[in-house]
Amino acid sequence: MLFLVKLLLLSALISLGIKYIGPVLKIAPNDLNALLGVLIFPLFMTGVLWWRGSRKIESQG
């Protein structure tokens, strides 16, 4: 239940950020910015999971 509450709050914060902070940023609508917007989170998660995996292997060995 707590997970759902955290997820709801995070979703609301992201929505408010897009609504109120997004227009202030003035990001140009081009292909590169669209590609970065789509790929930045998966690349970040890949890096974090790779880092955690390498730390786990080092601690076992």
N, C-alpha and C. Protein backbone atom coordinates (compact mmCIF):
# COMPACT_ATOMS: atom_id res chain seq x y z
N MET A 1 0.82 -1.19 0.00
CA MET A 1 0.00 0.00 0.00
C MET A 1 0.87 1.27 0.00
N LEU A 2 1.94 1.23 0.79
CA LEU A 2 2.83 2.38 0.86
C LEU A 2 3.50 2.63 -0.49
N PHE A 3 3.82 1.54 -1.20
CA PHE A 3 4.41 1.68 -2.53
C PHE A 3 3.47 2.44 -3.47
N LEU A 4 2.19 2.13 -3.42
CA LEU A 4 1.22 2.80 -4.28
C LEU A 4 1.09 4.28 -3.95
N VAL A 5 1.16 4.62 -2.67
CA VAL A 5 1.10 6.02 -2.26
C VAL A 5 2.33 6.77 -2.77
N LYS A 6 3.51 6.15 -2.65
CA LYS A 6 4.73 6.77 -3.15
C LYS A 6 4.67 6.93 -4.67
N LEU A 7 4.16 5.93 -5.35
CA LEU A 7 4.04 6.00 -6.79
C LEU A 7 3.08 7.11 -7.21
N LEU A 8 1.98 7.26 -6.51
CA LEU A 8 1.01 8.30 -6.79
C LEU A 8 1.61 9.69 -6.56
N LEU A 9 2.34 9.86 -5.47
CA LEU A 9 2.98 11.15 -5.18
C LEU A 9 4.06 11.49 -6.22
N LEU A 10 4.85 10.51 -6.59
CA LEU A 10 5.88 10.73 -7.60
C LEU A 10 5.25 11.10 -8.94
N SER A 11 4.19 10.43 -9.30
CA SER A 11 3.49 10.73 -10.54
C SER A 11 2.91 12.14 -10.52
N ALA A 12 2.35 12.53 -9.40
CA ALA A 12 1.79 13.89 -9.28
C ALA A 12 2.89 14.94 -9.38
N LEU A 13 4.04 14.69 -8.75
CA LEU A 13 5.16 15.64 -8.82
C LEU A 13 5.69 15.77 -10.24
N ILE A 14 5.80 14.66 -10.93
CA ILE A 14 6.27 14.71 -12.32
C ILE A 14 5.27 15.47 -13.18
N SER A 15 3.99 15.23 -12.99
CA SER A 15 2.97 15.94 -13.76
C SER A 15 3.00 17.44 -13.49
N LEU A 16 3.14 17.82 -12.22
CA LEU A 16 3.23 19.24 -11.90
C LEU A 16 4.50 19.87 -12.48
N GLY A 17 5.58 19.12 -12.45
CA GLY A 17 6.82 19.61 -13.02
C GLY A 17 6.69 19.85 -14.52
N ILE A 18 6.04 18.93 -15.21
CA ILE A 18 5.84 19.10 -16.65
C ILE A 18 4.93 20.29 -16.92
N LYS A 19 3.90 20.45 -16.11
CA LYS A 19 2.93 21.52 -16.35
C LYS A 19 3.51 22.91 -16.06
N TYR A 20 4.22 23.06 -14.95
CA TYR A 20 4.65 24.39 -14.52
C TYR A 20 6.11 24.71 -14.84
N ILE A 21 6.98 23.72 -14.79
CA ILE A 21 8.39 23.97 -15.03
C ILE A 21 8.75 23.76 -16.50
N GLY A 22 8.08 22.85 -17.16
CA GLY A 22 8.36 22.54 -18.55
C GLY A 22 8.35 23.73 -19.48
N PRO A 23 7.31 24.59 -19.44
CA PRO A 23 7.29 25.74 -20.35
C PRO A 23 8.42 26.76 -20.09
N VAL A 24 8.95 26.78 -18.88
CA VAL A 24 10.02 27.72 -18.55
C VAL A 24 11.34 27.30 -19.20
N LEU A 25 11.53 26.00 -19.43
CA LEU A 25 12.80 25.49 -19.93
C LEU A 25 13.07 25.85 -21.39
N LYS A 26 12.04 26.03 -22.19
CA LYS A 26 12.19 26.42 -23.60
C LYS A 26 13.10 25.46 -24.36
N ILE A 27 12.78 24.17 -24.34
CA ILE A 27 13.56 23.17 -25.07
C ILE A 27 13.08 23.16 -26.52
N ALA A 28 14.02 23.28 -27.44
CA ALA A 28 13.68 23.32 -28.87
C ALA A 28 13.13 21.97 -29.32
N PRO A 29 12.05 21.97 -30.10
CA PRO A 29 11.45 20.71 -30.56
C PRO A 29 12.18 20.18 -31.80
N ASN A 30 13.28 19.45 -31.58
CA ASN A 30 13.98 18.84 -32.70
C ASN A 30 14.19 17.35 -32.43
N ASP A 31 14.73 16.66 -33.42
CA ASP A 31 14.88 15.21 -33.31
C ASP A 31 15.81 14.78 -32.18
N LEU A 32 16.89 15.50 -32.00
CA LEU A 32 17.85 15.13 -30.97
C LEU A 32 17.23 15.24 -29.57
N ASN A 33 16.52 16.31 -29.32
CA ASN A 33 15.89 16.48 -28.00
C ASN A 33 14.82 15.42 -27.75
N ALA A 34 14.08 15.05 -28.79
CA ALA A 34 13.08 13.99 -28.63
C ALA A 34 13.76 12.66 -28.33
N LEU A 35 14.84 12.38 -29.03
CA LEU A 35 15.57 11.14 -28.79
C LEU A 35 16.16 11.10 -27.38
N LEU A 36 16.73 12.21 -26.95
CA LEU A 36 17.26 12.28 -25.58
C LEU A 36 16.16 12.11 -24.54
N GLY A 37 15.01 12.71 -24.78
CA GLY A 37 13.90 12.58 -23.85
C GLY A 37 13.42 11.15 -23.70
N VAL A 38 13.51 10.40 -24.78
CA VAL A 38 13.06 9.00 -24.74
C VAL A 38 14.14 8.10 -24.15
N LEU A 39 15.39 8.36 -24.45
CA LEU A 39 16.46 7.43 -24.08
C LEU A 39 17.17 7.73 -22.76
N ILE A 40 17.01 8.91 -22.21
CA ILE A 40 17.81 9.28 -21.03
C ILE A 40 17.51 8.39 -19.82
N PHE A 41 16.24 8.09 -19.57
CA PHE A 41 15.92 7.27 -18.40
C PHE A 41 16.39 5.83 -18.56
N PRO A 42 16.14 5.16 -19.70
CA PRO A 42 16.67 3.79 -19.83
C PRO A 42 18.19 3.73 -19.75
N LEU A 43 18.89 4.73 -20.30
CA LEU A 43 20.34 4.74 -20.20
C LEU A 43 20.80 4.93 -18.75
N PHE A 44 20.11 5.79 -18.03
CA PHE A 44 20.42 6.00 -16.61
C PHE A 44 20.20 4.71 -15.82
N MET A 45 19.07 4.05 -16.05
CA MET A 45 18.77 2.81 -15.33
C MET A 45 19.77 1.71 -15.69
N THR A 46 20.18 1.65 -16.95
CA THR A 46 21.19 0.68 -17.35
C THR A 46 22.49 0.91 -16.59
N GLY A 47 22.90 2.15 -16.48
CA GLY A 47 24.12 2.47 -15.75
C GLY A 47 24.02 2.11 -14.27
N VAL A 48 22.89 2.44 -13.67
CA VAL A 48 22.71 2.15 -12.24
C VAL A 48 22.70 0.64 -11.99
N LEU A 49 21.98 -0.11 -12.82
CA LEU A 49 21.92 -1.56 -12.63
C LEU A 49 23.27 -2.22 -12.91
N TRP A 50 24.00 -1.71 -13.90
CA TRP A 50 25.34 -2.24 -14.17
C TRP A 50 26.25 -1.98 -12.99
N TRP A 51 26.18 -0.77 -12.44
CA TRP A 51 27.00 -0.41 -11.29
C TRP A 51 26.68 -1.29 -10.08
N ARG A 52 25.38 -1.48 -9.82
CA ARG A 52 25.00 -2.33 -8.68
C ARG A 52 25.45 -3.77 -8.88
N GLY A 53 25.32 -4.24 -10.12
CA GLY A 53 25.75 -5.61 -10.42
C GLY A 53 27.25 -5.79 -10.25
N SER A 54 28.02 -4.81 -10.67
CA SER A 54 29.48 -4.92 -10.52
C SER A 54 29.88 -4.83 -9.05
N ARG A 55 29.17 -4.04 -8.27
CA ARG A 55 29.48 -3.98 -6.83
C ARG A 55 29.15 -5.29 -6.14
N LYS A 56 28.06 -5.93 -6.56
CA LYS A 56 27.65 -7.20 -5.95
C LYS A 56 28.68 -8.29 -6.24
N ILE A 57 29.18 -8.31 -7.49
CA ILE A 57 30.18 -9.30 -7.86
C ILE A 57 31.48 -9.08 -7.09
N GLU A 58 31.89 -7.83 -6.92
CA GLU A 58 33.13 -7.53 -6.17
C GLU A 58 33.01 -7.93 -4.71
N SER A 59 31.82 -7.75 -4.12
CA SER A 59 31.66 -8.09 -2.71
C SER A 59 31.63 -9.60 -2.49
N GLN A 60 31.22 -10.36 -3.51
CA GLN A 60 31.19 -11.82 -3.39
C GLN A 60 32.59 -12.43 -3.58
N GLY A 61 33.38 -11.80 -4.43
CA GLY A 61 34.70 -12.37 -4.79
C GLY A 61 35.74 -11.91 -3.90
